[in-house]
Amino acid sequence: MSLSQEAILYYADHPVHFVEDLIGATPDEKQAQILQSVADNPMTSVRSGHGIGKSTVEAWTIIWFMATRPFPKIACTAPTQHQLFDILWAEISKWLRSAPALEKEFVWTKEKVYLKGYPEEWFAVARTATKPDALQGFHADDILYIIDEASGVKDNIFEPVLGALSTPGARLLMCGNPTQLSGFFYESHTKNKASYSAFHVDGRSSKRVSQDFINTIIRMYGEDSDVFRVRVAGEFPKAEADVFIQLSLVESSIMTEFYPRKIPASIRIGCDVARFGDDKTVIGSKVDEKVTLEKKRNGQDTMKTADDIVLLYYDLLRKYPDYKDDITVCVDDGGVGGGVVDRLRQMKKNAPERLGQMNIVPITFGQRIKHKYYHDSTTYMMATVKALLSPFDEDGNPKPVELILPNDDDLVAQLSGRKYGLTDNSKIKVESKKDMKERDLPSPDEADCVLLLCVPIRQKKKSGNEKKQGR
């Protein structure tokens, strides 16, 4: 490498100066403390809100470690490919480009960064945390483990790290939003905190976090909400007893990797139709277990909403040309939603050759149902989503992932903020939209779209007429 031996020895103990002098960046106070902690301590754990520059400090740490250690091996992991490759790995590329002297020395590829001439001995590698052996097989005097969004990484991924940290040159940096009330990352800030150099970064104290973002979360969900605690303040959730779906279930779903099939087993479209001025029309899709919120729009133009649904239907058929089953379209049938249903049925009648795979299903929210445990259709649908999010079946056995949600602040807040109680006849009932608005919460439009994407639907016979299946 082009650095002198004296410079390498100096920068090995002074990562902040390395970032300033060679990368040309200026860490903020917390970033500087985290960088120095990795130099001084075997294990560093950082919990924070969104947007405080975690991925940036991780990228700086990787570059610094590679440039100041002989034959280092760096293993980086995160719960999803998006978090690992689109964010962290892209961040490494960005900072290498800003440092011409370092860019000449290192080769960046989509999965690996290495010193020229030493691709197998002097490198950083990216591995998603989907298998227990993701961080196994690394042997060197100087090893660095980077665990991004550590709350979403399963405990068995951490097991090989603990053994490797017994060497003096080994380091661990974990960063993430504190979404879970158990696990390796949680314990690094609670019962095992003495073994770590632990940091807490509140988004309100970070110049990198938009004040508009903070104000929006406060205005919509309140400073006492779990969404504010986790996504702004960097605090662990309170796990309120009267919340129907715990935030930890929602966040775990978001941090789950999706592996699409060439031919999906099921495709569905859902549409929650706006009723009032501040409400949103939300259209989403669900391909197998993966949910995508496709479009959000203020307003009640039923013709435009129906058109948007049909265009999404066409897009899905083009994306999955070998899919032959029906695409069920569940639409909120209350209020103006009935107009969307009528328009879709008219369009299908006029163009059966193009819309033949569209199974239109009106759904009524808040309707009383005959059920042993649930008071109404909304509660039943919430219970369905909760069961899909649970990692265990009814007998307590682990089950495959059944629902992967998008990382959407509104959706997370709505699903994890809805409270419930018991009726006079001891049935479970989630609070109504009216009750939520009386708590100054917005309409759960994104969440209702997800409910429509998940509600069980009896498949109609091919030769039969469409039947209304509101529950």
Protein backbone atom coordinates (compact mmCIF):
# COMPACT_ATOMS: atom_id res chain seq x y z
CA MET A 1 0.00 0.00 0.00
CA SER A 2 1.09 3.60 -0.63
CA LEU A 3 0.79 4.71 3.01
CA SER A 4 4.02 4.77 4.99
CA GLN A 5 4.44 2.33 7.87
CA GLU A 6 4.30 5.20 10.36
CA ALA A 7 1.06 6.50 8.84
CA ILE A 8 -0.54 3.05 8.92
CA LEU A 9 0.42 2.57 12.58
CA TYR A 10 -0.97 6.00 13.46
CA TYR A 11 -4.22 5.64 11.56
CA ALA A 12 -4.77 2.13 12.94
CA ASP A 13 -5.44 3.75 16.34
CA HIS A 14 -7.02 6.97 15.02
CA PRO A 15 -9.89 6.09 12.66
CA VAL A 16 -11.44 9.57 12.86
CA HIS A 17 -8.27 11.16 11.51
CA PHE A 18 -8.15 8.46 8.82
CA VAL A 19 -11.67 9.38 7.68
CA GLU A 20 -10.87 13.08 7.71
CA ASP A 21 -7.45 12.86 6.01
CA LEU A 22 -7.86 10.03 3.51
CA ILE A 23 -11.59 9.79 2.82
CA GLY A 24 -12.16 13.52 3.07
CA ALA A 25 -15.25 13.34 5.27
CA THR A 26 -16.06 14.90 8.64
CA PRO A 27 -17.78 12.55 11.09
CA ASP A 28 -20.25 14.08 13.51
CA GLU A 29 -19.72 13.68 17.25
CA LYS A 30 -21.50 10.32 17.57
CA GLN A 31 -19.94 8.91 14.42
CA ALA A 32 -16.51 9.87 15.70
CA GLN A 33 -17.19 8.15 19.03
CA ILE A 34 -18.36 4.98 17.27
CA LEU A 35 -15.30 4.90 15.00
CA GLN A 36 -12.94 5.30 17.94
CA SER A 37 -14.82 2.66 19.90
CA VAL A 38 -14.15 0.06 17.20
CA ALA A 39 -10.45 0.86 17.44
CA ASP A 40 -10.45 0.61 21.24
CA ASN A 41 -12.98 -2.15 22.03
CA PRO A 42 -13.66 -5.70 20.84
CA MET A 43 -17.45 -5.23 20.65
CA THR A 44 -19.39 -2.07 19.80
CA SER A 45 -23.19 -1.96 19.61
CA VAL A 46 -25.19 1.04 18.38
CA ARG A 47 -28.96 1.48 18.68
CA SER A 48 -30.52 4.50 17.04
CA GLY A 49 -33.42 5.99 15.15
CA HIS A 50 -33.59 6.30 11.37
CA GLY A 51 -31.27 8.48 9.32
CA ILE A 52 -28.41 9.13 11.76
CA GLY A 53 -25.71 7.87 9.37
CA LYS A 54 -25.26 4.26 10.54
CA SER A 55 -24.46 2.90 7.08
CA THR A 56 -21.98 5.71 6.52
CA VAL A 57 -20.02 5.00 9.71
CA GLU A 58 -20.08 1.27 8.90
CA ALA A 59 -18.62 1.96 5.44
CA TRP A 60 -15.91 4.21 6.91
CA THR A 61 -15.07 1.50 9.46
CA ILE A 62 -14.69 -1.14 6.75
CA ILE A 63 -12.41 1.04 4.60
CA TRP A 64 -10.32 2.10 7.62
CA PHE A 65 -9.90 -1.48 8.83
CA MET A 66 -8.87 -2.70 5.37
CA ALA A 67 -6.31 0.06 4.96
CA THR A 68 -4.65 -0.21 8.38
CA ARG A 69 -4.43 -3.98 9.04
CA PRO A 70 -2.32 -6.61 7.27
CA PHE A 71 -4.36 -9.31 5.53
CA PRO A 72 -7.66 -8.46 7.27
CA LYS A 73 -10.90 -10.31 6.70
CA ILE A 74 -14.15 -8.41 7.07
CA ALA A 75 -17.55 -10.14 7.11
CA CYS A 76 -20.61 -7.94 6.64
CA THR A 77 -24.18 -9.07 7.02
CA ALA A 78 -27.72 -7.71 7.21
CA PRO A 79 -31.20 -9.27 7.21
CA THR A 80 -31.96 -8.47 3.56
CA GLN A 81 -30.12 -8.08 0.28
CA HIS A 82 -31.56 -4.58 -0.06
CA GLN A 83 -30.04 -3.44 3.22
CA LEU A 84 -26.71 -5.13 2.55
CA PHE A 85 -26.10 -4.46 -1.13
CA ASP A 86 -28.25 -1.47 -2.06
CA ILE A 87 -27.37 0.52 1.05
CA LEU A 88 -24.19 -0.62 2.85
CA TRP A 89 -22.27 -1.94 -0.16
CA ALA A 90 -23.21 1.10 -2.24
CA GLU A 91 -22.02 3.32 0.61
CA ILE A 92 -18.57 1.66 0.54
CA SER A 93 -18.35 2.30 -3.20
CA LYS A 94 -19.29 5.95 -2.74
CA TRP A 95 -16.61 6.64 -0.14
CA LEU A 96 -13.90 4.78 -2.04
CA ARG A 97 -14.63 6.95 -5.08
CA SER A 98 -14.22 10.05 -2.95
CA ALA A 99 -10.71 8.92 -1.92
CA PRO A 100 -8.58 8.54 -5.08
CA ALA A 101 -5.54 7.24 -3.17
CA LEU A 102 -7.61 4.41 -1.68
CA GLU A 103 -9.58 3.70 -4.85
CA LYS A 104 -6.29 2.91 -6.62
CA GLU A 105 -5.49 0.29 -3.98
CA PHE A 106 -8.82 -1.50 -3.61
CA VAL A 107 -11.13 -3.30 -6.03
CA TRP A 108 -14.88 -2.96 -5.40
CA THR A 109 -17.21 -5.63 -6.77
CA LYS A 110 -20.89 -6.32 -6.10
CA GLU A 111 -20.13 -8.77 -3.29
CA LYS A 112 -16.50 -8.18 -2.34
CA VAL A 113 -13.92 -5.43 -1.78
CA TYR A 114 -10.28 -6.47 -1.81
CA LEU A 115 -6.71 -5.20 -2.05
CA LYS A 116 -5.37 -5.50 -5.58
CA GLY A 117 -3.50 -8.76 -5.93
CA TYR A 118 -4.97 -10.30 -2.75
CA PRO A 119 -8.63 -11.18 -3.45
CA GLU A 120 -8.61 -14.22 -1.14
CA GLU A 121 -6.47 -12.88 1.70
CA TRP A 122 -7.24 -9.17 2.14
CA PHE A 123 -10.95 -8.48 1.73
CA ALA A 124 -14.40 -7.47 2.89
CA VAL A 125 -17.30 -9.67 1.83
CA ALA A 126 -21.10 -9.31 1.97
CA ARG A 127 -23.32 -12.19 3.07
CA THR A 128 -27.02 -11.95 3.85
CA ALA A 129 -28.02 -13.26 7.27
CA THR A 130 -30.34 -15.97 6.01
CA LYS A 131 -28.30 -19.04 6.97
CA PRO A 132 -26.50 -19.93 10.23
CA ASP A 133 -23.17 -20.27 8.39
CA ALA A 134 -23.28 -16.71 7.00
CA LEU A 135 -20.40 -15.59 9.26
CA GLN A 136 -18.51 -18.86 9.52
CA GLY A 137 -15.15 -19.76 8.00
CA PHE A 138 -13.23 -16.52 8.57
CA HIS A 139 -9.74 -16.97 10.01
CA ALA A 140 -7.22 -14.16 10.40
CA ASP A 141 -5.40 -12.22 13.08
CA ASP A 142 -7.46 -9.14 12.17
CA ILE A 143 -11.16 -9.85 11.67
CA LEU A 144 -13.98 -7.31 11.60
CA TYR A 145 -17.65 -8.25 11.72
CA ILE A 146 -20.22 -5.66 10.62
CA ILE A 147 -23.84 -6.50 11.54
CA ASP A 148 -26.23 -4.01 9.96
CA GLU A 149 -29.84 -3.71 11.18
CA ALA A 150 -28.79 -6.12 13.91
CA SER A 151 -32.25 -6.39 15.51
CA GLY A 152 -33.38 -8.29 12.44
CA VAL A 153 -30.51 -10.82 12.50
CA LYS A 154 -31.28 -14.16 14.14
CA ASP A 155 -29.26 -15.24 17.15
CA ASN A 156 -27.72 -18.30 15.50
CA ILE A 157 -25.95 -15.99 13.02
CA PHE A 158 -24.01 -14.47 15.92
CA GLU A 159 -22.70 -17.74 17.35
CA PRO A 160 -19.54 -18.06 15.18
CA VAL A 161 -18.72 -14.39 15.87
CA LEU A 162 -18.32 -14.95 19.60
CA GLY A 163 -15.68 -17.62 19.05
CA ALA A 164 -13.72 -15.47 16.61
CA LEU A 165 -13.69 -12.48 18.97
CA SER A 166 -11.30 -14.31 21.29
CA THR A 167 -8.35 -13.10 19.15
CA PRO A 168 -6.90 -9.66 20.09
CA GLY A 169 -7.31 -8.23 16.58
CA ALA A 170 -11.00 -9.15 16.19
CA ARG A 171 -13.69 -6.49 16.25
CA LEU A 172 -17.50 -6.42 16.09
CA LEU A 173 -19.68 -3.45 15.12
CA MET A 174 -23.46 -3.89 15.37
CA CYS A 175 -25.88 -1.13 14.38
CA GLY A 176 -29.64 -1.01 14.11
CA ASN A 177 -33.02 0.29 15.11
CA PRO A 178 -34.03 -1.31 18.43
CA THR A 179 -37.08 -3.16 17.14
CA GLN A 180 -37.00 -6.37 19.21
CA LEU A 181 -37.32 -6.97 22.96
CA SER A 182 -35.19 -10.11 22.88
CA GLY A 183 -32.14 -11.46 21.13
CA PHE A 184 -28.43 -10.84 20.81
CA PHE A 185 -28.70 -7.16 19.88
CA TYR A 186 -31.25 -6.38 22.60
CA GLU A 187 -29.07 -8.04 25.22
CA SER A 188 -26.04 -6.00 24.13
CA HIS A 189 -27.94 -2.95 25.42
CA THR A 190 -29.48 -4.60 28.48
CA LYS A 191 -28.23 -7.56 30.51
CA ASN A 192 -24.93 -7.92 28.58
CA LYS A 193 -24.26 -4.20 28.26
CA ALA A 194 -21.12 -4.38 30.43
CA SER A 195 -19.41 -6.51 27.77
CA TYR A 196 -19.95 -3.90 25.05
CA SER A 197 -19.15 -0.35 24.19
CA ALA A 198 -22.81 0.52 23.71
CA PHE A 199 -24.15 3.68 22.07
CA HIS A 200 -27.61 5.21 21.89
CA VAL A 201 -28.23 7.84 19.20
CA ASP A 202 -31.51 9.77 19.39
CA GLY A 203 -32.57 11.11 16.01
CA ARG A 204 -33.65 14.38 17.63
CA SER A 205 -30.01 15.09 18.48
CA SER A 206 -28.66 14.27 15.01
CA LYS A 207 -28.17 16.98 12.40
CA ARG A 208 -28.61 14.30 9.75
CA VAL A 209 -32.24 13.60 10.63
CA SER A 210 -34.86 15.80 8.97
CA GLN A 211 -36.90 17.84 11.41
CA ASP A 212 -39.85 17.40 9.05
CA PHE A 213 -39.60 13.62 9.51
CA ILE A 214 -39.50 13.97 13.30
CA ASN A 215 -42.43 16.41 13.33
CA THR A 216 -44.49 14.16 11.06
CA ILE A 217 -44.05 11.11 13.30
CA ILE A 218 -44.87 13.19 16.40
CA ARG A 219 -47.92 14.80 14.79
CA MET A 220 -49.32 11.55 13.41
CA TYR A 221 -48.49 9.04 16.14
CA GLY A 222 -47.29 10.93 19.23
CA GLU A 223 -44.04 10.87 21.20
CA ASP A 224 -45.40 8.06 23.39
CA SER A 225 -45.88 5.69 20.44
CA ASP A 226 -43.59 2.75 19.79
CA VAL A 227 -43.04 3.97 16.25
CA PHE A 228 -41.59 7.22 17.59
CA ARG A 229 -39.52 5.38 20.19
CA VAL A 230 -37.96 3.00 17.67
CA ARG A 231 -37.73 5.05 14.47
CA VAL A 232 -36.87 8.46 15.94
CA ALA A 233 -35.65 8.16 19.53
CA GLY A 234 -33.73 4.91 19.10
CA GLU A 235 -35.40 3.36 22.14
CA PHE A 236 -36.74 -0.17 22.48
CA PRO A 237 -40.54 -0.47 22.18
CA LYS A 238 -42.72 -0.51 25.27
CA ALA A 239 -44.81 -3.47 24.04
CA GLU A 240 -48.12 -2.06 25.25
CA ALA A 241 -50.47 -4.75 26.53
CA ASP A 242 -53.56 -3.41 24.72
CA VAL A 243 -51.98 -3.24 21.24
CA PHE A 244 -53.33 -6.02 19.03
CA ILE A 245 -50.22 -6.55 16.85
CA GLN A 246 -46.87 -5.96 18.50
CA LEU A 247 -44.35 -3.74 16.72
CA SER A 248 -41.70 -6.47 16.94
CA LEU A 249 -43.76 -8.74 14.66
CA VAL A 250 -44.12 -6.01 12.05
CA GLU A 251 -40.44 -5.08 12.12
CA SER A 252 -39.35 -8.72 11.87
CA SER A 253 -41.51 -9.10 8.79
CA ILE A 254 -39.94 -6.04 7.17
CA MET A 255 -36.45 -7.43 7.80
CA THR A 256 -37.20 -10.77 6.12
CA GLU A 257 -35.62 -11.63 2.78
CA PHE A 258 -37.97 -12.43 -0.09
CA TYR A 259 -37.02 -15.00 -2.71
CA PRO A 260 -39.47 -14.66 -5.62
CA ARG A 261 -40.58 -17.69 -7.54
CA LYS A 262 -40.63 -17.71 -11.33
CA ILE A 263 -44.31 -18.65 -11.20
CA PRO A 264 -46.05 -17.38 -8.05
CA ALA A 265 -48.47 -19.60 -6.16
CA SER A 266 -50.83 -16.64 -5.65
CA ILE A 267 -51.23 -13.01 -6.69
CA ARG A 268 -53.63 -10.54 -5.12
CA ILE A 269 -54.49 -6.87 -5.41
CA GLY A 270 -56.02 -4.85 -2.58
CA CYS A 271 -57.51 -1.36 -2.55
CA ASP A 272 -58.58 0.69 0.44
CA VAL A 273 -60.68 3.55 -0.93
CA ALA A 274 -60.55 7.01 0.65
CA ARG A 275 -63.71 8.25 2.33
CA PHE A 276 -62.79 11.72 3.63
CA GLY A 277 -60.49 14.58 2.70
CA ASP A 278 -57.44 13.50 4.71
CA ASP A 279 -57.82 9.79 3.96
CA LYS A 280 -55.79 8.12 1.23
CA THR A 281 -56.73 5.61 -1.44
CA VAL A 282 -54.06 2.90 -1.19
CA ILE A 283 -53.56 0.18 -3.79
CA GLY A 284 -51.25 -2.74 -3.05
CA SER A 285 -50.24 -6.12 -4.34
CA LYS A 286 -49.27 -9.38 -2.69
CA VAL A 287 -47.22 -11.88 -4.66
CA ASP A 288 -47.00 -15.04 -2.57
CA GLU A 289 -45.88 -13.68 0.84
CA LYS A 290 -44.47 -10.33 -0.39
CA VAL A 291 -46.59 -7.16 -0.01
CA THR A 292 -45.94 -4.02 -2.03
CA LEU A 293 -47.81 -0.75 -1.58
CA GLU A 294 -48.06 0.28 -5.21
CA LYS A 295 -49.87 3.60 -5.11
CA LYS A 296 -51.16 6.15 -2.59
CA ARG A 297 -53.43 8.96 -3.57
CA ASN A 298 -55.61 11.53 -1.85
CA GLY A 299 -59.07 11.82 -3.29
CA GLN A 300 -62.15 9.76 -4.14
CA ASP A 301 -62.13 9.52 -7.94
CA THR A 302 -63.60 6.03 -8.29
CA MET A 303 -63.06 5.91 -12.06
CA LYS A 304 -59.35 6.73 -11.70
CA THR A 305 -59.00 4.24 -8.85
CA ALA A 306 -60.53 1.46 -10.96
CA ASP A 307 -58.23 2.38 -13.84
CA ASP A 308 -55.18 2.19 -11.53
CA ILE A 309 -56.23 -1.28 -10.35
CA VAL A 310 -56.60 -2.55 -13.91
CA LEU A 311 -53.22 -1.11 -14.90
CA LEU A 312 -51.61 -2.87 -11.93
CA TYR A 313 -53.39 -6.09 -12.97
CA TYR A 314 -51.86 -5.77 -16.45
CA ASP A 315 -48.40 -5.07 -14.97
CA LEU A 316 -48.55 -8.20 -12.83
CA LEU A 317 -49.61 -10.38 -15.79
CA ARG A 318 -46.71 -9.00 -17.84
CA LYS A 319 -44.28 -9.63 -15.00
CA TYR A 320 -45.55 -13.20 -14.48
CA PRO A 321 -46.66 -14.35 -17.95
CA ASP A 322 -46.83 -18.02 -16.92
CA TYR A 323 -49.24 -17.36 -14.04
CA LYS A 324 -52.60 -18.91 -15.00
CA ASP A 325 -54.75 -18.66 -11.87
CA ASP A 326 -57.10 -15.82 -10.98
CA ILE A 327 -55.74 -12.58 -9.58
CA THR A 328 -58.11 -11.78 -6.72
CA VAL A 329 -58.86 -8.07 -6.33
CA CYS A 330 -60.20 -7.22 -2.86
CA VAL A 331 -61.77 -3.77 -2.65
CA ASP A 332 -63.11 -1.92 0.39
CA ASP A 333 -66.83 -1.89 -0.43
CA GLY A 334 -67.90 0.68 2.17
CA GLY A 335 -68.85 4.20 1.17
CA VAL A 336 -67.41 5.32 -2.16
CA GLY A 337 -65.59 1.98 -2.51
CA GLY A 338 -68.77 0.52 -3.92
CA GLY A 339 -68.31 2.73 -6.97
CA VAL A 340 -64.88 1.20 -7.58
CA VAL A 341 -66.34 -2.30 -7.40
CA ASP A 342 -69.12 -1.40 -9.85
CA ARG A 343 -66.64 0.16 -12.27
CA LEU A 344 -64.35 -2.88 -12.18
CA ARG A 345 -67.26 -5.22 -12.84
CA GLN A 346 -68.36 -3.09 -15.77
CA MET A 347 -64.84 -3.08 -17.23
CA LYS A 348 -64.56 -6.86 -16.85
CA LYS A 349 -67.93 -7.39 -18.52
CA ASN A 350 -66.90 -5.21 -21.47
CA ALA A 351 -63.44 -6.78 -21.86
CA PRO A 352 -63.61 -10.39 -20.60
CA GLU A 353 -60.77 -11.48 -22.88
CA ARG A 354 -58.36 -9.07 -21.12
CA LEU A 355 -59.76 -9.17 -17.58
CA GLY A 356 -60.74 -12.82 -17.45
CA GLN A 357 -58.28 -13.63 -14.65
CA MET A 358 -59.59 -10.82 -12.43
CA ASN A 359 -61.68 -12.09 -9.52
CA ILE A 360 -63.35 -9.02 -7.98
CA VAL A 361 -64.19 -9.43 -4.29
CA PRO A 362 -65.91 -6.62 -2.31
CA ILE A 363 -64.98 -6.58 1.40
CA THR A 364 -66.88 -4.79 4.14
CA PHE A 365 -64.93 -3.47 7.14
CA GLY A 366 -66.47 -3.38 10.62
CA GLN A 367 -69.25 -5.83 9.78
CA ARG A 368 -70.55 -8.04 12.59
CA ILE A 369 -69.65 -11.69 12.01
CA LYS A 370 -70.47 -15.03 13.57
CA HIS A 371 -67.15 -16.07 15.03
CA LYS A 372 -66.14 -17.73 18.27
CA TYR A 373 -63.52 -15.13 19.17
CA TYR A 374 -63.83 -12.04 16.95
CA HIS A 375 -66.57 -9.42 17.01
CA ASP A 376 -66.36 -8.06 13.47
CA SER A 377 -64.73 -8.41 10.07
CA THR A 378 -61.97 -5.88 10.80
CA THR A 379 -60.88 -7.76 13.91
CA TYR A 380 -60.95 -11.04 12.00
CA MET A 381 -58.73 -9.58 9.29
CA MET A 382 -56.33 -8.12 11.88
CA ALA A 383 -56.15 -11.54 13.53
CA THR A 384 -55.37 -13.11 10.16
CA VAL A 385 -52.47 -10.71 9.61
CA LYS A 386 -51.22 -11.28 13.15
CA ALA A 387 -51.20 -15.04 12.59
CA LEU A 388 -49.34 -14.62 9.30
CA LEU A 389 -46.73 -12.45 11.03
CA SER A 390 -46.21 -14.89 13.88
CA PRO A 391 -43.08 -17.08 13.58
CA PHE A 392 -44.95 -19.95 15.25
CA ASP A 393 -48.02 -21.99 14.41
CA GLU A 394 -50.95 -22.64 16.76
CA ASP A 395 -49.05 -25.49 18.43
CA GLY A 396 -46.01 -23.31 19.11
CA ASN A 397 -43.85 -24.86 16.40
CA PRO A 398 -41.70 -22.68 14.06
CA LYS A 399 -43.33 -22.14 10.67
CA PRO A 400 -42.18 -20.73 7.31
CA VAL A 401 -42.45 -17.00 6.67
CA GLU A 402 -45.97 -16.19 5.47
CA LEU A 403 -45.99 -12.39 5.18
CA ILE A 404 -43.24 -9.92 4.23
CA LEU A 405 -44.23 -6.27 4.62
CA PRO A 406 -42.70 -3.15 3.06
CA ASN A 407 -40.69 -0.72 5.17
CA ASP A 408 -43.33 2.01 5.31
CA ASP A 409 -43.54 4.28 8.38
CA ASP A 410 -47.31 4.78 8.07
CA LEU A 411 -47.98 1.07 7.66
CA VAL A 412 -45.77 0.14 10.61
CA ALA A 413 -47.46 2.69 12.86
CA GLN A 414 -50.98 1.69 11.84
CA LEU A 415 -50.53 -2.05 12.25
CA SER A 416 -48.66 -1.76 15.55
CA GLY A 417 -50.72 1.06 17.04
CA ARG A 418 -54.27 -0.30 16.84
CA LYS A 419 -55.63 -1.23 20.25
CA TYR A 420 -58.25 -3.78 21.18
CA GLY A 421 -60.62 -4.77 23.96
CA LEU A 422 -63.39 -7.24 24.79
CA THR A 423 -67.08 -6.77 24.08
CA ASP A 424 -69.85 -7.53 26.58
CA ASN A 425 -70.02 -11.09 25.26
CA SER A 426 -66.23 -11.48 25.62
CA LYS A 427 -65.31 -11.27 21.96
CA ILE A 428 -62.18 -9.47 20.79
CA LYS A 429 -62.75 -6.18 18.98
CA VAL A 430 -60.09 -3.85 17.58
CA GLU A 431 -60.82 -0.15 17.85
CA SER A 432 -62.71 1.44 14.99
CA LYS A 433 -61.40 4.16 12.70
CA LYS A 434 -63.58 6.60 14.62
CA ASP A 435 -61.93 5.58 17.90
CA MET A 436 -58.48 5.95 16.34
CA LYS A 437 -59.28 9.43 15.10
CA GLU A 438 -60.48 10.38 18.57
CA ARG A 439 -56.94 9.49 19.73
CA ASP A 440 -55.69 11.94 17.04
CA LEU A 441 -54.41 9.09 14.88
CA PRO A 442 -54.79 9.16 11.08
CA SER A 443 -56.96 6.72 9.18
CA PRO A 444 -55.20 3.32 8.89
CA ASP A 445 -55.34 3.35 5.09
CA GLU A 446 -52.09 1.47 4.42
CA ALA A 447 -52.91 -1.11 7.09
CA ASP A 448 -56.41 -1.65 5.70
CA CYS A 449 -54.90 -2.27 2.27
CA VAL A 450 -52.72 -5.00 3.83
CA LEU A 451 -55.79 -6.51 5.50
CA LEU A 452 -57.45 -6.74 2.10
CA LEU A 453 -54.37 -8.44 0.70
CA CYS A 454 -54.44 -11.07 3.44
CA VAL A 455 -58.10 -11.82 4.20
CA PRO A 456 -58.95 -15.47 3.37
CA ILE A 457 -61.09 -15.74 0.25
CA ARG A 458 -63.01 -18.80 -0.90
CA GLN A 459 -62.05 -19.34 -4.51
CA LYS A 460 -65.05 -19.11 -6.80
CA LYS A 461 -65.78 -21.78 -9.35
CA LYS A 462 -64.65 -20.84 -12.85
CA SER A 463 -68.13 -21.23 -14.25
CA GLY A 464 -69.90 -19.38 -11.49
CA ASN A 465 -70.81 -15.73 -11.14
CA GLU A 466 -68.86 -13.47 -8.83
CA LYS A 467 -70.28 -13.38 -5.34
CA LYS A 468 -69.86 -10.74 -2.73
CA GLN A 469 -67.64 -12.15 0.01
CA GLY A 470 -67.52 -9.43 2.66
CA ARG A 471 -66.75 -10.77 6.13
